[in-house]
N, C-alpha and C. Protein backbone atom coordinates (compact mmCIF):
# COMPACT_ATOMS: atom_id res chain seq x y z
N MET A 1 46.68 44.95 22.70
CA MET A 1 48.01 45.48 22.52
C MET A 1 49.02 44.40 22.90
N ASN A 2 50.01 44.19 22.07
CA ASN A 2 51.07 43.23 22.38
C ASN A 2 51.85 43.71 23.60
N GLN A 3 52.36 42.77 24.38
CA GLN A 3 53.08 43.11 25.60
C GLN A 3 54.53 42.65 25.53
N VAL A 4 55.39 43.43 26.18
CA VAL A 4 56.78 43.04 26.38
C VAL A 4 57.06 43.22 27.88
N THR A 5 57.59 42.17 28.50
CA THR A 5 57.90 42.21 29.92
C THR A 5 59.35 42.60 30.11
N LEU A 6 59.57 43.58 30.98
CA LEU A 6 60.92 44.05 31.29
C LEU A 6 61.39 43.36 32.56
N LYS A 7 62.51 42.66 32.46
CA LYS A 7 63.05 41.89 33.58
C LYS A 7 64.10 42.71 34.32
N GLN A 8 64.29 42.40 35.58
CA GLN A 8 65.27 43.10 36.40
C GLN A 8 66.69 42.94 35.87
N ASP A 9 66.97 41.83 35.18
CA ASP A 9 68.32 41.62 34.64
C ASP A 9 68.55 42.39 33.34
N GLY A 10 67.54 43.16 32.89
CA GLY A 10 67.68 43.96 31.68
C GLY A 10 67.12 43.33 30.43
N MET A 11 66.77 42.06 30.50
CA MET A 11 66.23 41.37 29.33
C MET A 11 64.75 41.72 29.14
N MET A 12 64.31 41.58 27.89
CA MET A 12 62.90 41.74 27.56
C MET A 12 62.35 40.38 27.15
N ILE A 13 61.11 40.11 27.56
CA ILE A 13 60.45 38.85 27.24
C ILE A 13 59.18 39.18 26.46
N CYS A 14 59.00 38.50 25.34
CA CYS A 14 57.77 38.67 24.56
C CYS A 14 57.28 37.29 24.14
N GLY A 15 56.04 36.99 24.43
CA GLY A 15 55.49 35.68 24.08
C GLY A 15 56.22 34.54 24.76
N GLY A 16 56.75 34.77 25.97
CA GLY A 16 57.46 33.74 26.71
C GLY A 16 58.90 33.51 26.27
N LYS A 17 59.38 34.30 25.30
CA LYS A 17 60.75 34.13 24.81
C LYS A 17 61.56 35.40 25.01
N SER A 18 62.85 35.23 25.29
CA SER A 18 63.74 36.38 25.42
C SER A 18 63.90 37.07 24.08
N VAL A 19 63.88 38.39 24.11
CA VAL A 19 64.13 39.18 22.91
C VAL A 19 65.64 39.25 22.75
N GLU A 20 66.16 38.68 21.68
CA GLU A 20 67.60 38.64 21.46
C GLU A 20 68.07 39.74 20.51
N THR A 21 67.28 40.03 19.50
CA THR A 21 67.66 41.03 18.50
C THR A 21 66.44 41.88 18.14
N GLY A 22 66.71 43.01 17.49
CA GLY A 22 65.64 43.87 16.99
C GLY A 22 64.74 44.48 18.04
N PRO A 23 65.30 45.03 19.13
CA PRO A 23 64.44 45.55 20.20
C PRO A 23 63.60 46.77 19.79
N LEU A 24 64.03 47.49 18.75
CA LEU A 24 63.29 48.68 18.35
C LEU A 24 61.87 48.35 17.89
N MET A 25 61.67 47.15 17.38
CA MET A 25 60.33 46.78 16.91
C MET A 25 59.33 46.63 18.06
N PHE A 26 59.81 46.60 19.29
CA PHE A 26 58.93 46.44 20.45
C PHE A 26 58.55 47.77 21.10
N LEU A 27 58.99 48.89 20.55
CA LEU A 27 58.73 50.19 21.17
C LEU A 27 57.24 50.50 21.30
N SER A 28 56.42 49.99 20.41
CA SER A 28 54.97 50.25 20.48
C SER A 28 54.24 49.27 21.38
N TYR A 29 54.92 48.25 21.87
CA TYR A 29 54.29 47.23 22.72
C TYR A 29 54.03 47.80 24.12
N GLN A 30 53.04 47.24 24.79
CA GLN A 30 52.76 47.61 26.17
C GLN A 30 53.89 47.12 27.06
N ALA A 31 54.46 48.01 27.86
CA ALA A 31 55.51 47.63 28.80
C ALA A 31 54.88 47.07 30.07
N VAL A 32 55.35 45.90 30.49
CA VAL A 32 54.93 45.26 31.73
C VAL A 32 56.21 45.04 32.53
N LEU A 33 56.21 45.46 33.79
CA LEU A 33 57.41 45.34 34.62
C LEU A 33 57.37 44.09 35.48
N GLU A 34 58.50 43.38 35.52
CA GLU A 34 58.65 42.27 36.45
C GLU A 34 58.45 42.83 37.86
N GLU A 35 57.89 42.03 38.75
CA GLU A 35 57.55 42.50 40.09
C GLU A 35 58.74 43.11 40.83
N SER A 36 59.93 42.58 40.65
CA SER A 36 61.10 43.07 41.38
C SER A 36 61.85 44.18 40.63
N TYR A 37 61.24 44.78 39.62
CA TYR A 37 61.92 45.73 38.74
C TYR A 37 62.34 46.99 39.50
N THR A 38 63.60 47.40 39.28
CA THR A 38 64.13 48.63 39.86
C THR A 38 64.71 49.49 38.73
N LEU A 39 65.13 50.68 39.08
CA LEU A 39 65.74 51.56 38.08
C LEU A 39 67.04 50.96 37.54
N ARG A 40 67.71 50.15 38.34
CA ARG A 40 68.92 49.47 37.87
C ARG A 40 68.58 48.54 36.69
N GLY A 41 67.44 47.87 36.75
CA GLY A 41 66.99 47.02 35.65
C GLY A 41 66.78 47.82 34.37
N PHE A 42 66.32 49.07 34.52
CA PHE A 42 66.14 49.97 33.38
C PHE A 42 67.47 50.19 32.68
N PHE A 43 68.53 50.46 33.44
CA PHE A 43 69.84 50.70 32.84
C PHE A 43 70.47 49.41 32.30
N ARG A 44 70.19 48.30 32.95
CA ARG A 44 70.68 47.01 32.43
C ARG A 44 70.07 46.72 31.06
N MET A 45 68.85 47.20 30.84
CA MET A 45 68.20 47.01 29.54
C MET A 45 69.03 47.66 28.43
N PHE A 46 69.61 48.82 28.68
CA PHE A 46 70.43 49.50 27.67
C PHE A 46 71.74 48.76 27.43
N GLU A 47 72.23 48.05 28.44
CA GLU A 47 73.43 47.24 28.23
C GLU A 47 73.11 46.05 27.32
N HIS A 48 71.93 45.46 27.49
CA HIS A 48 71.52 44.32 26.64
C HIS A 48 71.13 44.77 25.24
N TYR A 49 70.56 45.95 25.13
CA TYR A 49 70.03 46.44 23.85
C TYR A 49 70.60 47.82 23.54
N PRO A 50 71.85 47.88 23.10
CA PRO A 50 72.48 49.18 22.84
C PRO A 50 71.80 49.99 21.75
N GLU A 51 70.95 49.36 20.93
CA GLU A 51 70.21 50.11 19.91
C GLU A 51 69.34 51.19 20.53
N PHE A 52 68.90 50.99 21.77
CA PHE A 52 68.06 51.98 22.45
C PHE A 52 68.81 53.28 22.72
N GLU A 53 70.13 53.25 22.71
CA GLU A 53 70.89 54.47 22.98
C GLU A 53 70.62 55.55 21.95
N LYS A 54 70.10 55.18 20.79
CA LYS A 54 69.78 56.16 19.75
C LYS A 54 68.52 56.95 20.08
N LEU A 55 67.78 56.55 21.09
CA LEU A 55 66.53 57.21 21.43
C LEU A 55 66.71 58.50 22.20
N ASN A 56 67.87 58.72 22.81
CA ASN A 56 68.06 59.90 23.65
C ASN A 56 69.52 60.33 23.61
N ALA A 57 69.75 61.59 23.28
CA ALA A 57 71.11 62.11 23.16
C ALA A 57 71.87 62.11 24.47
N PHE A 58 71.16 62.10 25.58
CA PHE A 58 71.81 62.19 26.89
C PHE A 58 72.02 60.84 27.56
N LEU A 59 71.53 59.78 26.94
CA LEU A 59 71.65 58.46 27.53
C LEU A 59 73.10 58.07 27.84
N PRO A 60 74.08 58.38 26.99
CA PRO A 60 75.46 58.03 27.34
C PRO A 60 75.92 58.63 28.68
N SER A 61 75.50 59.86 28.98
CA SER A 61 75.91 60.45 30.27
C SER A 61 75.20 59.76 31.44
N TYR A 62 73.94 59.34 31.25
CA TYR A 62 73.25 58.60 32.30
C TYR A 62 73.90 57.24 32.52
N MET A 63 74.30 56.60 31.41
CA MET A 63 74.95 55.29 31.51
C MET A 63 76.29 55.42 32.24
N ALA A 64 77.02 56.50 32.01
CA ALA A 64 78.29 56.71 32.72
C ALA A 64 78.04 56.86 34.22
N GLN A 65 76.98 57.59 34.60
CA GLN A 65 76.65 57.74 36.01
C GLN A 65 76.25 56.38 36.61
N TYR A 66 75.46 55.63 35.86
CA TYR A 66 75.03 54.30 36.31
C TYR A 66 76.24 53.39 36.52
N ARG A 67 77.14 53.37 35.56
CA ARG A 67 78.31 52.48 35.64
C ARG A 67 79.28 52.87 36.76
N SER A 68 79.29 54.14 37.14
CA SER A 68 80.20 54.57 38.21
C SER A 68 79.56 54.46 39.60
N SER A 69 78.32 54.02 39.66
CA SER A 69 77.61 53.87 40.94
C SER A 69 77.92 52.52 41.56
N PRO A 70 77.74 52.40 42.88
CA PRO A 70 77.91 51.10 43.54
C PRO A 70 76.99 50.05 42.93
N GLU A 71 77.36 48.78 43.04
CA GLU A 71 76.59 47.70 42.43
C GLU A 71 75.33 47.32 43.22
N SER A 72 75.19 47.85 44.42
CA SER A 72 73.98 47.58 45.21
C SER A 72 73.86 48.63 46.31
N GLY A 73 72.72 48.64 46.97
CA GLY A 73 72.51 49.55 48.08
C GLY A 73 72.23 50.99 47.68
N CYS A 74 71.87 51.22 46.44
CA CYS A 74 71.61 52.58 45.94
C CYS A 74 70.16 52.94 46.20
N LEU A 75 69.88 53.33 47.44
CA LEU A 75 68.52 53.60 47.89
C LEU A 75 68.40 55.01 48.45
N CYS A 76 67.16 55.50 48.51
CA CYS A 76 66.87 56.80 49.10
C CYS A 76 65.91 56.58 50.26
N ASP A 77 66.24 57.13 51.41
CA ASP A 77 65.41 56.95 52.60
C ASP A 77 64.11 57.76 52.55
N GLY A 78 64.02 58.73 51.65
CA GLY A 78 62.89 59.65 51.63
C GLY A 78 61.60 59.09 51.04
N PHE A 79 61.66 57.94 50.40
CA PHE A 79 60.45 57.35 49.82
C PHE A 79 60.63 55.86 49.61
N ASP A 80 59.51 55.19 49.27
CA ASP A 80 59.47 53.73 49.18
C ASP A 80 59.79 53.19 47.80
N GLY A 81 59.56 53.99 46.76
CA GLY A 81 59.77 53.53 45.40
C GLY A 81 59.55 54.66 44.42
N LEU A 82 59.67 54.33 43.14
CA LEU A 82 59.48 55.29 42.06
C LEU A 82 58.24 54.90 41.26
N GLU A 83 57.54 55.91 40.76
CA GLU A 83 56.36 55.66 39.95
C GLU A 83 56.39 56.55 38.72
N LEU A 84 56.12 55.94 37.57
CA LEU A 84 55.99 56.69 36.32
C LEU A 84 54.50 56.85 36.06
N ALA A 85 54.06 58.09 35.92
CA ALA A 85 52.64 58.37 35.69
C ALA A 85 52.46 59.15 34.39
N LYS A 86 51.26 59.08 33.88
CA LYS A 86 50.90 59.79 32.65
C LYS A 86 49.84 60.83 33.01
N THR A 87 49.95 62.02 32.43
CA THR A 87 48.96 63.07 32.67
C THR A 87 48.43 63.59 31.34
N VAL A 88 47.13 63.71 31.27
CA VAL A 88 46.46 64.37 30.14
C VAL A 88 45.82 65.62 30.73
N GLU A 89 46.22 66.77 30.22
CA GLU A 89 45.74 68.03 30.78
C GLU A 89 45.13 68.90 29.69
N MET A 90 43.88 69.29 29.93
CA MET A 90 43.22 70.25 29.04
C MET A 90 43.51 71.64 29.59
N ILE A 91 44.04 72.51 28.74
CA ILE A 91 44.50 73.84 29.16
C ILE A 91 43.87 74.88 28.24
N GLY A 92 43.76 76.11 28.76
CA GLY A 92 43.45 77.23 27.89
C GLY A 92 42.05 77.77 27.95
N PHE A 93 41.34 77.57 29.03
CA PHE A 93 40.02 78.18 29.12
C PHE A 93 40.05 79.25 30.18
N PRO A 94 39.70 80.48 29.97
CA PRO A 94 39.32 80.99 28.64
C PRO A 94 40.55 81.11 27.75
N GLY A 95 40.30 81.21 26.50
CA GLY A 95 41.38 81.28 25.52
C GLY A 95 41.32 80.10 24.60
N LYS A 96 42.40 79.90 23.88
CA LYS A 96 42.45 78.81 22.91
C LYS A 96 42.78 77.51 23.64
N PRO A 97 41.85 76.57 23.67
CA PRO A 97 42.10 75.32 24.38
C PRO A 97 43.14 74.45 23.67
N ARG A 98 43.88 73.70 24.48
CA ARG A 98 44.84 72.74 23.94
C ARG A 98 44.92 71.56 24.90
N LEU A 99 45.50 70.50 24.41
CA LEU A 99 45.64 69.28 25.19
C LEU A 99 47.12 68.94 25.30
N GLU A 100 47.61 68.69 26.51
CA GLU A 100 49.00 68.29 26.72
C GLU A 100 49.01 66.91 27.37
N ILE A 101 49.92 66.08 26.88
CA ILE A 101 50.10 64.74 27.43
C ILE A 101 51.56 64.62 27.83
N TYR A 102 51.82 64.29 29.09
CA TYR A 102 53.20 64.18 29.54
C TYR A 102 53.33 63.10 30.61
N HIS A 103 54.59 62.73 30.87
CA HIS A 103 54.90 61.69 31.85
C HIS A 103 55.69 62.31 33.00
N SER A 104 55.54 61.75 34.17
CA SER A 104 56.26 62.21 35.36
C SER A 104 56.81 61.01 36.11
N LEU A 105 58.04 61.13 36.55
CA LEU A 105 58.65 60.12 37.41
C LEU A 105 58.86 60.76 38.77
N TYR A 106 58.36 60.14 39.80
CA TYR A 106 58.48 60.71 41.14
C TYR A 106 58.60 59.59 42.16
N GLY A 107 59.05 59.97 43.34
CA GLY A 107 59.10 59.03 44.45
C GLY A 107 57.72 58.91 45.07
N VAL A 108 57.47 57.80 45.74
CA VAL A 108 56.20 57.60 46.43
C VAL A 108 56.49 57.21 47.87
N SER A 109 55.85 57.94 48.79
CA SER A 109 55.99 57.65 50.22
C SER A 109 54.62 57.72 50.85
N GLY A 110 54.15 56.60 51.38
CA GLY A 110 52.83 56.58 52.00
C GLY A 110 51.71 56.98 51.05
N GLY A 111 51.86 56.66 49.78
CA GLY A 111 50.84 56.99 48.80
C GLY A 111 50.93 58.41 48.26
N GLU A 112 51.87 59.19 48.74
CA GLU A 112 52.03 60.58 48.30
C GLU A 112 53.24 60.72 47.39
N ALA A 113 53.13 61.60 46.40
CA ALA A 113 54.23 61.86 45.46
C ALA A 113 55.31 62.69 46.14
N VAL A 114 56.57 62.34 45.86
CA VAL A 114 57.73 63.04 46.41
C VAL A 114 58.64 63.42 45.24
N GLU A 115 59.04 64.68 45.18
CA GLU A 115 59.94 65.16 44.13
C GLU A 115 61.29 64.46 44.24
N ILE A 116 61.86 64.07 43.10
CA ILE A 116 63.14 63.35 43.11
C ILE A 116 64.27 64.13 42.45
N ARG A 117 64.02 65.32 41.95
CA ARG A 117 65.03 66.04 41.17
C ARG A 117 66.31 66.32 41.95
N SER A 118 66.22 66.46 43.25
CA SER A 118 67.42 66.76 44.03
C SER A 118 68.14 65.49 44.51
N VAL A 119 67.60 64.33 44.18
CA VAL A 119 68.19 63.06 44.61
C VAL A 119 69.15 62.57 43.52
N PRO A 120 70.42 62.33 43.86
CA PRO A 120 71.37 61.84 42.85
C PRO A 120 70.93 60.48 42.29
N LEU A 121 71.27 60.25 41.03
CA LEU A 121 70.91 59.00 40.37
C LEU A 121 71.38 57.79 41.16
N GLU A 122 72.57 57.86 41.74
CA GLU A 122 73.08 56.68 42.47
C GLU A 122 72.23 56.34 43.69
N ASN A 123 71.39 57.25 44.15
CA ASN A 123 70.49 56.95 45.27
C ASN A 123 69.12 56.45 44.80
N LEU A 124 68.96 56.30 43.50
CA LEU A 124 67.68 55.84 42.95
C LEU A 124 67.75 54.46 42.31
N LEU A 125 68.94 54.00 42.02
CA LEU A 125 69.10 52.80 41.19
C LEU A 125 68.43 51.55 41.74
N ASP A 126 68.40 51.36 43.03
CA ASP A 126 67.81 50.15 43.59
C ASP A 126 66.41 50.37 44.16
N MET A 127 65.81 51.50 43.79
CA MET A 127 64.43 51.77 44.20
C MET A 127 63.48 51.01 43.27
N PRO A 128 62.44 50.38 43.83
CA PRO A 128 61.45 49.71 42.99
C PRO A 128 60.76 50.71 42.07
N VAL A 129 60.46 50.28 40.85
CA VAL A 129 59.76 51.11 39.87
C VAL A 129 58.42 50.46 39.57
N ARG A 130 57.38 51.27 39.51
CA ARG A 130 56.08 50.75 39.09
C ARG A 130 55.42 51.75 38.16
N LEU A 131 54.48 51.25 37.40
CA LEU A 131 53.74 52.09 36.46
C LEU A 131 52.49 52.61 37.17
N GLY A 132 52.30 53.91 37.10
CA GLY A 132 51.17 54.54 37.78
C GLY A 132 49.95 54.68 36.89
N ARG A 133 49.06 55.52 37.33
CA ARG A 133 47.79 55.73 36.64
C ARG A 133 47.86 56.97 35.76
N LEU A 134 46.86 57.11 34.93
CA LEU A 134 46.70 58.31 34.12
C LEU A 134 45.87 59.31 34.90
N ARG A 135 46.40 60.52 35.00
CA ARG A 135 45.66 61.61 35.66
C ARG A 135 45.09 62.50 34.56
N HIS A 136 43.82 62.86 34.69
CA HIS A 136 43.17 63.74 33.72
C HIS A 136 42.80 65.03 34.45
N ILE A 137 43.42 66.13 34.01
CA ILE A 137 43.17 67.44 34.61
C ILE A 137 42.43 68.28 33.58
N VAL A 138 41.27 68.80 33.96
CA VAL A 138 40.45 69.58 33.04
C VAL A 138 40.57 71.06 33.38
N PHE A 139 41.11 71.82 32.44
CA PHE A 139 41.23 73.28 32.54
C PHE A 139 41.82 73.74 33.87
N GLY A 140 42.88 73.10 34.29
CA GLY A 140 43.63 73.53 35.46
C GLY A 140 43.00 73.18 36.79
N ASP A 141 41.91 72.46 36.81
CA ASP A 141 41.24 72.10 38.06
C ASP A 141 41.98 70.95 38.73
N SER A 142 42.98 71.29 39.54
CA SER A 142 43.79 70.25 40.17
C SER A 142 43.11 69.65 41.40
N VAL A 143 41.93 70.15 41.75
CA VAL A 143 41.19 69.60 42.88
C VAL A 143 40.42 68.35 42.45
N ASP A 144 39.74 68.44 41.33
CA ASP A 144 38.94 67.33 40.83
C ASP A 144 39.67 66.58 39.72
N VAL A 145 40.82 66.04 40.04
CA VAL A 145 41.61 65.28 39.07
C VAL A 145 41.01 63.88 38.96
N LEU A 146 40.82 63.45 37.74
CA LEU A 146 40.32 62.10 37.50
C LEU A 146 41.52 61.17 37.31
N ALA A 147 41.44 59.97 37.83
CA ALA A 147 42.54 59.00 37.69
C ALA A 147 42.00 57.71 37.07
N PHE A 148 42.77 57.16 36.14
CA PHE A 148 42.36 55.98 35.41
C PHE A 148 43.52 54.99 35.33
N ASP A 149 43.19 53.71 35.28
CA ASP A 149 44.20 52.72 34.95
C ASP A 149 44.59 52.96 33.50
N THR A 150 45.83 52.71 33.16
CA THR A 150 46.31 52.95 31.80
C THR A 150 47.43 51.98 31.48
N VAL A 151 47.91 52.03 30.27
CA VAL A 151 49.07 51.26 29.85
C VAL A 151 50.12 52.23 29.34
N PHE A 152 51.36 51.78 29.34
CA PHE A 152 52.48 52.54 28.83
C PHE A 152 53.14 51.72 27.74
N SER A 153 53.41 52.34 26.61
CA SER A 153 54.19 51.65 25.59
C SER A 153 55.64 51.61 26.07
N LEU A 154 56.43 50.73 25.49
CA LEU A 154 57.84 50.66 25.84
C LEU A 154 58.51 52.01 25.56
N PHE A 155 58.14 52.65 24.44
CA PHE A 155 58.72 53.96 24.13
C PHE A 155 58.35 54.98 25.20
N GLU A 156 57.09 55.03 25.63
CA GLU A 156 56.68 55.97 26.68
C GLU A 156 57.45 55.72 27.97
N PHE A 157 57.65 54.46 28.29
CA PHE A 157 58.38 54.10 29.51
C PHE A 157 59.82 54.60 29.44
N ILE A 158 60.50 54.32 28.34
CA ILE A 158 61.90 54.74 28.19
C ILE A 158 61.99 56.26 28.15
N ASP A 159 61.21 56.89 27.29
CA ASP A 159 61.29 58.34 27.12
C ASP A 159 60.86 59.08 28.39
N GLY A 160 59.83 58.60 29.06
CA GLY A 160 59.36 59.25 30.28
C GLY A 160 60.40 59.26 31.38
N ILE A 161 61.08 58.15 31.57
CA ILE A 161 62.12 58.09 32.60
C ILE A 161 63.33 58.92 32.20
N LEU A 162 63.77 58.80 30.95
CA LEU A 162 64.95 59.56 30.52
C LEU A 162 64.70 61.06 30.57
N TRP A 163 63.49 61.50 30.23
CA TRP A 163 63.16 62.93 30.31
C TRP A 163 63.32 63.42 31.75
N GLU A 164 62.74 62.71 32.70
CA GLU A 164 62.83 63.12 34.11
C GLU A 164 64.27 63.07 34.62
N LEU A 165 65.04 62.08 34.20
CA LEU A 165 66.43 62.00 34.64
C LEU A 165 67.25 63.16 34.10
N GLY A 166 66.78 63.81 33.05
CA GLY A 166 67.45 64.98 32.51
C GLY A 166 67.53 66.12 33.50
N PHE A 167 66.75 66.05 34.56
CA PHE A 167 66.75 67.10 35.57
C PHE A 167 67.46 66.66 36.85
N GLN A 168 68.17 65.53 36.80
CA GLN A 168 68.86 64.98 37.97
C GLN A 168 70.28 65.50 38.09
N GLY A 169 70.56 66.69 37.62
CA GLY A 169 71.91 67.23 37.76
C GLY A 169 72.72 67.14 36.50
N THR A 170 72.14 66.64 35.42
CA THR A 170 72.85 66.63 34.14
C THR A 170 72.63 68.00 33.52
N LEU A 171 73.49 68.95 33.86
CA LEU A 171 73.27 70.34 33.50
C LEU A 171 73.15 70.55 32.00
N MET A 172 73.94 69.85 31.19
CA MET A 172 73.87 70.03 29.76
C MET A 172 72.47 69.67 29.25
N ALA A 173 71.90 68.62 29.77
CA ALA A 173 70.56 68.21 29.34
C ALA A 173 69.54 69.28 29.71
N CYS A 174 69.64 69.83 30.91
CA CYS A 174 68.70 70.86 31.32
C CYS A 174 68.83 72.11 30.47
N GLU A 175 70.05 72.50 30.16
CA GLU A 175 70.27 73.71 29.37
C GLU A 175 69.71 73.56 27.96
N LEU A 176 69.89 72.42 27.34
CA LEU A 176 69.44 72.23 25.96
C LEU A 176 67.93 72.13 25.86
N ARG A 177 67.25 71.80 26.92
CA ARG A 177 65.80 71.64 26.87
C ARG A 177 65.06 72.95 27.08
N ARG A 178 65.74 74.02 27.39
CA ARG A 178 65.08 75.31 27.60
C ARG A 178 64.68 75.93 26.32
């Protein structure tokens, strides 16, 4: 799978070169995060590549919150960083089985997941972001969850974070998703 590296300054690097135009063609590429990547870098990416704003109807409101936040020091004391994870869940036994695949963004403290929905966006911007593992849940058995290393496409990375941010107090986004 081709890779695109996301830099803290918002730029994308592919094959050792900065992506200057046509960022939409990289949506299927594997996203790799620069070691110092924070949520602020995620929003800087939209400033460099405004074409991405077409991916989510609520992105303009998130960008307004980002732009009105302080330029540094936007941290939350309740956890050490943010992690985006992927879950594959087999559901429906007994009954008609189905498979659901979804992404979750949460805080991490001491290796444990921490809910972030009540934390304002301005308290998350300078938190480190990392890509987590894939969790496989079979028929609701949350005790024996299997975990695997995985990759995230650039689209999964963008969509997964924006979906979770939709629950950060952007009431219009929450209402429309019901």
